[in-house]
Protein backbone atom coordinates (compact mmCIF):
# COMPACT_ATOMS: atom_id res chain seq x y z
CA MET A 1 1.78 3.48 6.61
CA ALA A 2 3.38 1.53 3.80
CA ILE A 3 1.48 0.87 0.56
CA GLU A 4 2.80 -1.50 -2.06
CA LEU A 5 1.22 -1.74 -5.51
CA LYS A 6 1.77 -5.04 -7.31
CA ILE A 7 1.01 -5.54 -11.00
CA GLY A 8 0.00 -9.19 -10.69
CA ARG A 9 -1.66 -11.74 -8.46
CA PHE A 10 -0.93 -11.83 -4.70
CA LYS A 11 2.03 -13.98 -3.68
CA PRO A 12 2.64 -15.06 -0.04
CA GLU A 13 6.18 -13.65 -0.09
CA PHE A 14 4.74 -10.15 -0.37
CA VAL A 15 3.84 -10.38 3.34
CA GLY A 16 7.45 -10.96 4.43
CA LYS A 17 8.63 -8.01 2.37
CA MET A 18 5.91 -5.78 3.85
CA GLN A 19 6.80 -6.87 7.40
CA PHE A 20 10.40 -5.77 6.64
CA TYR A 21 9.18 -2.38 5.39
CA LEU A 22 6.98 -1.88 8.48
CA THR A 23 9.81 -2.76 10.84
CA ALA A 24 12.05 -0.24 9.08
CA LEU A 25 9.35 2.43 9.26
CA ASP A 26 8.75 1.78 12.97
CA ARG A 27 12.45 1.92 13.84
CA GLN A 28 13.58 4.72 11.54
CA VAL A 29 10.57 7.01 10.96
CA ARG A 30 7.83 6.52 13.56
CA GLN A 31 7.72 9.00 16.43
CA GLU A 32 7.26 7.80 20.04
CA ASP A 33 3.72 9.19 20.24
CA GLU A 34 2.58 7.47 17.00
CA ASN A 35 0.97 4.06 16.58
CA SER A 36 2.79 1.22 14.88
CA SER A 37 2.93 1.31 11.10
CA VAL A 38 0.29 -0.45 9.01
CA GLY A 39 0.84 -2.07 5.62
CA ILE A 40 -1.46 -2.29 2.61
CA ILE A 41 -0.67 -4.56 -0.34
CA LEU A 42 -2.66 -3.76 -3.47
CA CYS A 43 -2.73 -6.55 -6.07
CA LYS A 44 -4.38 -7.08 -9.43
CA GLU A 45 -5.93 -10.31 -8.06
CA LYS A 46 -5.93 -12.20 -4.76
CA GLY A 47 -6.94 -15.69 -3.68
CA ARG A 48 -8.74 -15.45 -0.35
CA THR A 49 -7.30 -18.70 1.09
CA ILE A 50 -3.74 -17.83 0.04
CA VAL A 51 -4.02 -14.37 1.65
CA GLU A 52 -5.45 -15.87 4.85
CA TYR A 53 -2.66 -18.42 5.11
CA ALA A 54 0.01 -15.81 4.34
CA LEU A 55 -1.30 -13.37 6.96
CA HIS A 56 -2.07 -15.97 9.66
CA ASP A 57 1.23 -15.64 11.53
CA ALA A 58 2.13 -12.12 10.42
CA SER A 59 3.34 -10.04 13.36
CA LYS A 60 2.49 -6.65 11.81
CA PRO A 61 -0.91 -5.25 10.74
CA ILE A 62 -1.17 -5.86 7.00
CA GLY A 63 -4.15 -5.70 4.69
CA VAL A 64 -4.44 -7.07 1.15
CA ALA A 65 -6.91 -5.70 -1.39
CA PRO A 66 -7.44 -6.01 -5.14
CA TYR A 67 -7.53 -3.02 -7.43
CA GLN A 68 -9.14 -2.39 -10.78
CA ILE A 69 -7.82 -0.14 -13.55
CA THR A 70 -10.42 1.98 -15.33
CA LYS A 71 -10.18 4.44 -18.19
CA THR A 72 -12.24 7.08 -16.44
CA LEU A 73 -12.39 8.31 -12.87
CA PRO A 74 -15.65 7.34 -11.08
CA LYS A 75 -18.02 10.32 -10.71
CA GLU A 76 -17.90 10.21 -6.91
CA LEU A 77 -14.11 10.79 -6.99
CA ARG A 78 -14.09 13.63 -9.51
CA GLY A 79 -13.13 16.82 -7.76
CA GLN A 80 -11.80 14.87 -4.75
CA LEU A 81 -8.37 14.07 -6.19
CA PRO A 82 -5.67 16.46 -7.48
CA GLN A 83 -5.14 16.89 -11.20
CA PRO A 84 -2.07 15.21 -12.76
CA GLU A 85 -0.43 18.61 -13.20
CA GLU A 86 -0.81 19.33 -9.49
CA ILE A 87 0.82 16.03 -8.57
CA ALA A 88 3.70 16.68 -11.00
CA ALA A 89 4.29 20.11 -9.44
CA LEU A 90 4.41 18.61 -5.95
CA LEU A 91 6.84 15.92 -7.03
CA GLU A 92 9.23 18.39 -8.70
CA GLY A 93 10.42 19.65 -5.30
CA ILE A 94 11.03 16.12 -4.03
CA ALA A 95 13.14 14.95 -6.99
CA GLU A 96 15.71 17.69 -6.56
């Protein structure tokens, strides 16, 4: 799975870039017994018609969804996600 976070409004060219990422994942990372890679593009805003046109002829499974930034974590997610310190500790081993 490839997830791309965009800071602005959805642009049709994001689909071509995601298709490139998914092809690379399928050829370089995916195991024979795994399904094809799926892409998710998260954007600050999206226009439904533009997204539909951009995805119409896409050859890979790609979804587009908007996100919203909040100052506090919703109650239903508290306790479900790791603390920032836990994430930092996990990433320390990767950066080396």
